Protein backbone atom coordinates (compact mmCIF):
# COMPACT_ATOMS: atom_id res chain seq x y z
CA MET A 1 -39.54 7.80 -51.45
CA ALA A 2 -38.34 7.26 -47.92
CA ALA A 3 -37.25 10.30 -45.99
CA ALA A 4 -33.52 10.62 -45.71
CA GLY A 5 -32.25 9.46 -42.32
CA PRO A 6 -29.49 11.03 -40.32
CA PRO A 7 -25.98 10.81 -41.72
CA ALA A 8 -24.25 7.52 -41.06
CA GLY A 9 -21.74 9.08 -38.71
CA ALA A 10 -24.28 11.12 -36.72
CA ALA A 11 -25.02 8.44 -34.14
CA ARG A 12 -21.34 7.77 -33.87
CA LYS A 13 -20.64 11.41 -33.14
CA ARG A 14 -23.26 11.61 -30.39
CA ARG A 15 -21.29 9.19 -28.24
CA PRO A 16 -17.91 10.87 -27.80
CA LYS A 17 -18.79 12.51 -24.50
CA ALA A 18 -19.77 9.18 -23.01
CA HIS A 19 -16.62 7.50 -24.28
CA LEU A 20 -14.37 10.31 -23.15
CA ALA A 21 -16.09 10.45 -19.76
CA ALA A 22 -15.48 6.72 -19.35
CA ALA A 23 -11.83 7.17 -20.19
CA ARG A 24 -11.52 10.00 -17.69
CA ALA A 25 -13.27 7.94 -14.99
CA LYS A 26 -10.94 5.01 -15.62
CA ARG A 27 -7.98 7.33 -15.40
CA ALA A 28 -9.26 8.72 -12.08
CA ARG A 29 -9.74 5.24 -10.64
CA GLY A 30 -6.25 4.26 -11.66
CA GLY A 31 -4.85 7.38 -10.06
CA GLY A 32 -2.67 8.14 -13.05
CA GLY A 33 1.01 7.53 -13.29
CA GLY A 34 2.77 4.46 -14.64
CA GLY A 35 1.35 1.03 -14.02
CA ARG A 36 -2.30 0.85 -13.05
CA GLN A 37 -2.01 -2.45 -11.20
CA LEU A 38 0.12 -3.74 -8.36
CA GLU A 39 3.15 -5.47 -9.80
CA ALA A 40 6.59 -6.68 -8.79
CA GLY A 41 9.06 -3.86 -8.31
CA MET A 42 6.62 -1.41 -6.75
CA ARG A 43 6.92 0.07 -3.27
CA GLY A 44 4.12 1.67 -1.35
CA ILE A 45 1.47 1.21 1.32
CA LEU A 46 -1.09 -1.58 1.50
CA ILE A 47 -4.33 -0.50 3.18
CA THR A 48 -7.30 -2.63 4.21
CA CYS A 49 -10.79 -1.19 4.55
CA ASN A 50 -14.36 -2.25 5.20
CA MET A 51 -16.25 -2.31 1.89
CA ASN A 52 -15.79 1.34 0.87
CA GLU A 53 -12.65 1.39 -1.27
CA ARG A 54 -13.33 4.76 -2.89
CA LYS A 55 -13.63 6.50 0.48
CA CYS A 56 -10.59 4.57 1.66
CA VAL A 57 -8.51 5.99 -1.18
CA GLY A 58 -9.68 9.50 -0.31
CA GLU A 59 -8.77 9.04 3.34
CA ALA A 60 -5.41 7.59 2.37
CA TYR A 61 -4.54 10.54 0.13
CA SER A 62 -5.54 12.98 2.88
CA LEU A 63 -3.62 11.21 5.65
CA LEU A 64 -0.52 10.43 3.63
CA GLY A 65 -0.49 13.91 2.14
CA GLU A 66 -0.64 15.49 5.59
CA TYR A 67 2.24 13.50 7.02
CA GLY A 68 4.15 13.36 3.76
CA ASP A 69 4.26 17.16 3.57
CA LEU A 70 5.30 17.25 7.22
CA LEU A 71 8.20 14.84 6.77
CA TYR A 72 9.31 15.54 3.20
CA GLY A 73 7.90 18.97 2.41
CA PRO A 74 5.17 19.83 -0.12
CA GLU A 75 5.34 18.25 -3.56
CA GLN A 76 6.93 20.41 -6.22
CA PHE A 77 6.02 20.30 -9.92
CA SER A 78 7.81 21.85 -12.85
CA ASP A 79 6.29 24.50 -15.12
CA GLN A 80 6.22 21.93 -17.90
CA GLU A 81 4.09 19.62 -15.78
CA GLU A 82 1.70 22.45 -14.90
CA ARG A 83 1.34 23.46 -18.54
CA LEU A 84 0.65 19.85 -19.50
CA SER A 85 -1.93 19.55 -16.76
CA GLY A 86 -3.63 22.69 -18.03
CA SER A 87 -3.67 21.48 -21.61
CA GLU A 88 -5.52 18.36 -20.55
CA ARG A 89 -8.42 20.50 -19.33
CA GLU A 90 -8.97 22.12 -22.73
CA GLU A 91 -12.07 21.19 -24.73
CA ASP A 92 -11.53 18.68 -27.49
CA ASP A 93 -13.28 19.89 -30.64
CA GLU A 94 -12.29 16.99 -32.87
CA ASP A 95 -15.12 15.82 -35.12
CA ASP A 96 -13.80 12.29 -35.30
CA VAL A 97 -14.53 10.37 -32.10
CA GLU A 98 -11.71 7.90 -32.43
CA ALA A 99 -9.19 10.67 -33.03
CA ALA A 100 -10.47 12.58 -30.01
CA LEU A 101 -10.24 9.52 -27.78
CA LYS A 102 -6.79 8.64 -29.08
CA LYS A 103 -5.64 12.20 -28.43
CA GLU A 104 -6.82 12.05 -24.83
CA VAL A 105 -5.17 8.67 -24.27
CA ASP A 106 -1.91 10.06 -25.64
CA GLN A 107 -2.20 13.04 -23.31
CA ILE A 108 -2.76 10.75 -20.35
CA ARG A 109 0.29 8.69 -21.24
CA ALA A 110 2.44 11.76 -21.71
CA SER A 111 1.19 13.17 -18.42
CA THR A 112 1.91 10.01 -16.47
CA GLU A 113 5.42 9.81 -17.85
CA ARG A 114 6.24 13.36 -16.77
CA LYS A 115 4.15 13.75 -13.64
CA LEU A 116 5.02 10.98 -11.21
CA ARG A 117 3.19 11.80 -8.04
CA ARG A 118 4.37 11.02 -4.53
CA PHE A 119 1.25 8.93 -3.83
CA GLN A 120 -0.73 7.11 -6.52
CA SER A 121 -3.51 4.56 -6.08
CA VAL A 122 -3.21 1.44 -8.22
CA GLU A 123 -5.44 -1.63 -8.48
CA SER A 124 -4.46 -4.05 -5.71
CA GLY A 125 -6.06 -7.15 -7.16
CA ALA A 126 -8.13 -7.91 -4.05
CA ASN A 127 -11.40 -6.67 -2.57
CA ASN A 128 -11.26 -4.30 0.40
CA VAL A 129 -7.57 -3.72 -0.22
CA VAL A 130 -6.09 -0.50 -1.55
CA PHE A 131 -2.50 -0.09 -2.67
CA ILE A 132 -0.91 3.36 -2.73
CA ARG A 133 2.32 3.39 -4.69
CA THR A 134 4.95 5.77 -3.29
CA ARG A 135 7.86 7.58 -4.89
CA GLY A 136 10.76 9.35 -3.22
CA ILE A 137 9.89 8.32 0.34
CA GLU A 138 10.48 5.41 2.71
CA PRO A 139 7.08 3.73 3.28
CA GLU A 140 8.10 2.13 6.59
CA ASN A 141 9.25 5.46 8.05
CA LEU A 142 6.12 7.32 6.97
CA VAL A 143 3.67 4.70 8.24
CA HIS A 144 5.54 4.29 11.54
CA HIS A 145 5.46 8.08 12.02
CA ILE A 146 1.68 8.16 11.40
CA LEU A 147 1.01 5.33 13.84
CA LYS A 148 3.38 6.74 16.45
CA ASP A 149 1.58 10.09 16.33
CA MET A 150 -1.89 8.50 16.51
CA HIS A 151 -0.75 6.21 19.34
CA THR A 152 0.56 9.20 21.30
CA THR A 153 -2.29 11.63 20.70
CA LYS A 154 -5.11 9.04 20.58
CA LYS A 155 -6.66 11.23 17.91
CA LYS A 156 -8.75 9.34 15.38
CA LYS A 157 -8.05 10.44 11.82
CA THR A 158 -9.86 7.88 9.65
CA ARG A 159 -13.25 6.23 9.41
CA VAL A 160 -12.96 3.41 6.90
CA ILE A 161 -9.23 2.62 6.87
CA LEU A 162 -8.43 -0.34 9.07
CA ARG A 163 -4.82 -1.45 8.69
CA MET A 164 -2.00 0.42 7.01
CA LEU A 165 1.05 -1.66 6.14
CA PRO A 166 4.19 -0.32 4.48
CA VAL A 167 5.47 -2.31 1.52
CA SER A 168 9.20 -1.80 1.21
CA GLY A 169 9.66 -4.33 -1.55
CA THR A 170 7.75 -6.56 -3.95
CA CYS A 171 8.63 -9.57 -6.04
CA LYS A 172 6.85 -12.35 -7.90
CA ALA A 173 4.95 -14.70 -5.60
CA PHE A 174 6.88 -17.84 -6.42
CA MET A 175 9.12 -19.53 -3.90
CA GLU A 176 12.35 -19.29 -5.85
CA ASP A 177 11.75 -15.60 -6.62
CA MET A 178 10.96 -14.87 -2.99
CA LYS A 179 14.05 -16.67 -1.72
CA LYS A 180 16.36 -14.87 -4.12
CA TYR A 181 14.78 -11.48 -3.37
CA THR A 182 14.70 -11.76 0.44
CA GLU A 183 18.34 -12.83 0.71
CA THR A 184 19.20 -9.23 -0.10
CA PHE A 185 16.03 -7.53 1.15
CA PHE A 186 16.49 -8.74 4.76
CA GLU A 187 20.12 -7.64 5.06
CA PRO A 188 19.61 -4.15 6.60
CA TRP A 189 17.83 -5.70 9.58
CA PHE A 190 19.26 -9.17 10.01
CA LYS A 191 22.68 -9.49 8.39
CA ALA A 192 25.58 -9.55 10.87
CA PRO A 193 26.47 -7.45 12.73
CA ASN A 194 22.77 -6.48 12.68
CA LYS A 195 20.45 -8.81 14.57
CA GLY A 196 17.07 -8.91 16.28
CA THR A 197 14.15 -10.98 17.48
CA PHE A 198 11.42 -11.50 14.92
CA GLN A 199 8.15 -13.08 13.93
CA ILE A 200 6.61 -13.65 10.51
CA VAL A 201 3.06 -12.61 9.64
CA TYR A 202 1.59 -14.15 6.49
CA LYS A 203 -1.53 -13.41 4.47
CA ALA A 204 -2.49 -14.55 0.97
CA ARG A 205 -5.36 -13.21 -1.14
CA ASN A 206 -6.53 -14.60 -4.46
CA ASN A 207 -3.62 -17.02 -4.48
CA SER A 208 -3.78 -20.77 -4.03
CA HIS A 209 -0.40 -22.00 -5.26
CA MET A 210 1.70 -20.80 -2.32
CA SER A 211 2.09 -22.88 0.83
CA ARG A 212 2.18 -20.71 3.94
CA GLU A 213 4.13 -23.33 5.87
CA GLU A 214 6.77 -23.46 3.16
CA VAL A 215 6.99 -19.67 2.92
CA ILE A 216 7.43 -19.30 6.68
CA LYS A 217 10.03 -22.04 6.84
CA GLU A 218 12.09 -20.72 3.94
CA LEU A 219 12.05 -17.07 5.02
CA ALA A 220 12.89 -17.94 8.62
CA GLY A 221 15.78 -20.00 7.34
CA ILE A 222 17.10 -17.05 5.35
CA VAL A 223 16.91 -14.77 8.40
CA GLY A 224 18.82 -17.38 10.43
CA SER A 225 21.48 -17.73 7.74
CA LEU A 226 22.16 -13.98 7.77
CA ASN A 227 23.01 -14.09 11.47
CA PRO A 228 22.56 -17.11 13.81
CA GLU A 229 21.84 -14.68 16.64
CA ASN A 230 18.50 -13.72 15.08
CA LYS A 231 15.89 -15.34 17.32
CA VAL A 232 12.14 -15.89 17.16
CA ASP A 233 9.94 -14.05 19.67
CA LEU A 234 6.19 -14.62 19.44
CA ASN A 235 5.22 -12.22 22.24
CA ASN A 236 7.00 -8.94 21.64
CA PRO A 237 9.50 -9.22 18.78
CA GLN A 238 11.79 -6.41 17.78
CA TYR A 239 10.86 -6.92 14.15
CA THR A 240 7.80 -8.29 12.39
CA ILE A 241 8.26 -9.56 8.85
CA VAL A 242 5.02 -8.89 7.01
CA VAL A 243 4.32 -11.09 3.98
CA GLU A 244 1.23 -10.08 1.98
CA ILE A 245 0.57 -12.05 -1.20
CA ILE A 246 -2.02 -10.82 -3.69
CA LYS A 247 -2.42 -12.94 -6.80
CA ASN A 248 1.10 -13.35 -8.14
CA VAL A 249 2.74 -10.47 -6.28
CA CYS A 250 4.47 -10.80 -2.91
CA CYS A 251 4.58 -7.62 -0.79
CA LEU A 252 7.22 -7.50 1.92
CA SER A 253 8.12 -5.27 4.82
CA VAL A 254 10.00 -5.42 8.10
CA VAL A 255 8.27 -3.28 10.73
CA LYS A 256 8.77 -2.34 14.34
CA ASP A 257 6.21 -1.94 17.14
CA TYR A 258 3.76 -4.29 15.43
CA VAL A 259 2.30 -5.42 18.75
CA LEU A 260 2.35 -1.96 20.35
CA PHE A 261 0.61 -0.44 17.34
CA ARG A 262 -2.10 -3.14 17.30
CA LYS A 263 -0.94 -4.83 14.11
CA TYR A 264 -0.78 -1.43 12.44
CA ASN A 265 -4.53 -0.98 12.85
CA LEU A 266 -5.51 2.70 12.78
CA GLN A 267 -8.83 2.07 14.52
CA GLU A 268 -7.26 0.16 17.41
CA VAL A 269 -4.09 2.19 17.94
CA VAL A 270 -6.05 5.24 19.17
CA LYS A 271 -7.72 3.26 21.96
CA SER A 272 -6.27 3.60 25.45
CA ASN A 273 -4.53 0.64 27.00
CA LYS A 274 -2.65 0.34 30.28
CA GLU A 275 0.12 -1.63 28.63
CA ASP A 276 0.90 1.26 26.31
CA ALA A 277 2.28 3.33 29.18
CA GLN A 278 4.91 0.66 29.77
CA GLN A 279 6.19 0.69 26.20
CA LYS A 280 7.69 3.43 24.10
CA PRO A 281 7.56 3.41 20.31
CA SER A 282 10.84 2.87 18.50
CA ASN A 283 12.57 5.60 16.60
CA VAL A 284 12.71 4.05 13.17
CA THR A 285 14.72 6.83 11.52
CA GLU A 286 17.53 6.83 14.06
CA GLU A 287 17.77 3.06 14.15
CA LYS A 288 17.74 2.79 10.40
CA ASN A 289 20.57 5.32 10.11
CA SER A 290 22.66 3.14 12.39
CA LYS A 291 22.21 0.15 10.07
CA VAL A 292 24.01 -0.65 6.86
CA VAL A 293 22.66 1.16 3.84
CA LYS A 294 19.55 -0.51 2.51
CA PRO A 295 19.65 -1.58 -1.16
CA GLU A 296 17.60 0.58 -3.48
CA VAL A 297 15.88 -1.94 -4.96
CA GLU A 298 -16.01 9.52 13.20
CA GLU A 299 -18.24 6.66 13.68
CA GLU A 300 -19.20 5.54 17.18
CA GLU A 301 -16.74 3.43 19.15
CA GLU A 302 -19.04 0.45 19.09
CA GLU A 303 -19.32 0.51 15.33
CA ASN A 304 -15.57 0.86 14.93
CA SER A 305 -15.07 -2.11 17.20
CA LYS A 306 -17.39 -4.16 15.02
CA GLU A 307 -15.49 -3.17 11.92
CA VAL A 308 -12.16 -4.10 13.45
CA LYS A 309 -13.49 -7.44 14.64
CA GLN A 310 -14.82 -8.12 11.18
CA GLU A 311 -11.45 -7.31 9.68
CA ASN A 312 -9.68 -9.60 12.11
CA LYS A 313 -12.23 -12.31 11.44
CA ASN A 314 -11.74 -11.97 7.72
CA GLU A 315 -8.01 -12.27 8.06
CA GLY A 316 -8.21 -15.11 10.56
CA GLU A 317 -6.32 -13.24 13.25
CA LEU A 318 -6.91 -13.92 16.93
CA GLU A 319 -6.18 -11.06 19.25
CA THR A 320 -5.00 -13.28 22.09
CA LYS A 321 -3.42 -16.14 20.18
CA PRO A 322 -0.29 -15.43 18.14
CA GLU A 323 -0.72 -18.74 16.35
CA GLY A 324 -3.85 -17.47 14.51
CA LYS A 325 -4.38 -18.36 10.87
CA ASP A 326 -2.65 -15.34 9.41
CA MET A 327 -0.08 -14.62 12.08
CA LEU A 328 2.18 -17.50 11.30
CA THR A 329 5.39 -17.55 13.24
CA VAL A 330 8.26 -19.86 13.63
């Protein structure tokens, strides 16, 4: 008579730790909180890096946390949130693997509904691109403050982060959706009596159905319709309209000092340049307060230079030619 083997459920019960560990790892990668992927309706900060996305996320949390606390004060959590966080660390003694996994998933969902962090990493949908969703802050003000400080002090604060672009609004990456959305989105900067010189910078990743020429033409037309005095300036515009399309999501922002801050490149902005002494960064907060209310809607220098050049090459940007592939202007 054959020896009795292990109970049928024994092998199944040996695997819970692996399954639960995988769930926890997935949760950590997603950053917790709401949607795990970039989608229309989100606001935040789009960050490019050079191959090391995990380290990029760590640097982003550190940098944004430092300046976020400085501008908005430390994050505050309720006692309920702290108790919930503590309960998630307790050991799960359930015998049934599926029940244990389901319980942890439910805890994660409950946690994310109650604990909406100021900065949360979500899947961007593109390689070498990180998206940090923000809550309760103005992305353009925070990023401009970071770049202004780094430009002034020339103190390098990151190793793998290349560019840091605020995303003040997102919509579906279809022409009709973009036209409808930007008619309102552009108003705080370009609707009369507001006006300014501008250029449009366009980049698409993992998207083949959008025509960059059409996007530039349509968006420039909308800016012109808001105030005929809005004029194009390819050399040193007052505003740069940044259009970043990833898959079917269009990320939009209107930024100042794009040229002065080296296309919002954190590796380049800390380098000394004679032209910098002749220009002073804008005060975004003061200028924004004067506008209409916006709708709510250390590696070596040589190595850093190589990384930056690679980034520019990947994005098709030419440092001396504003008509480069990705810096499309009208």
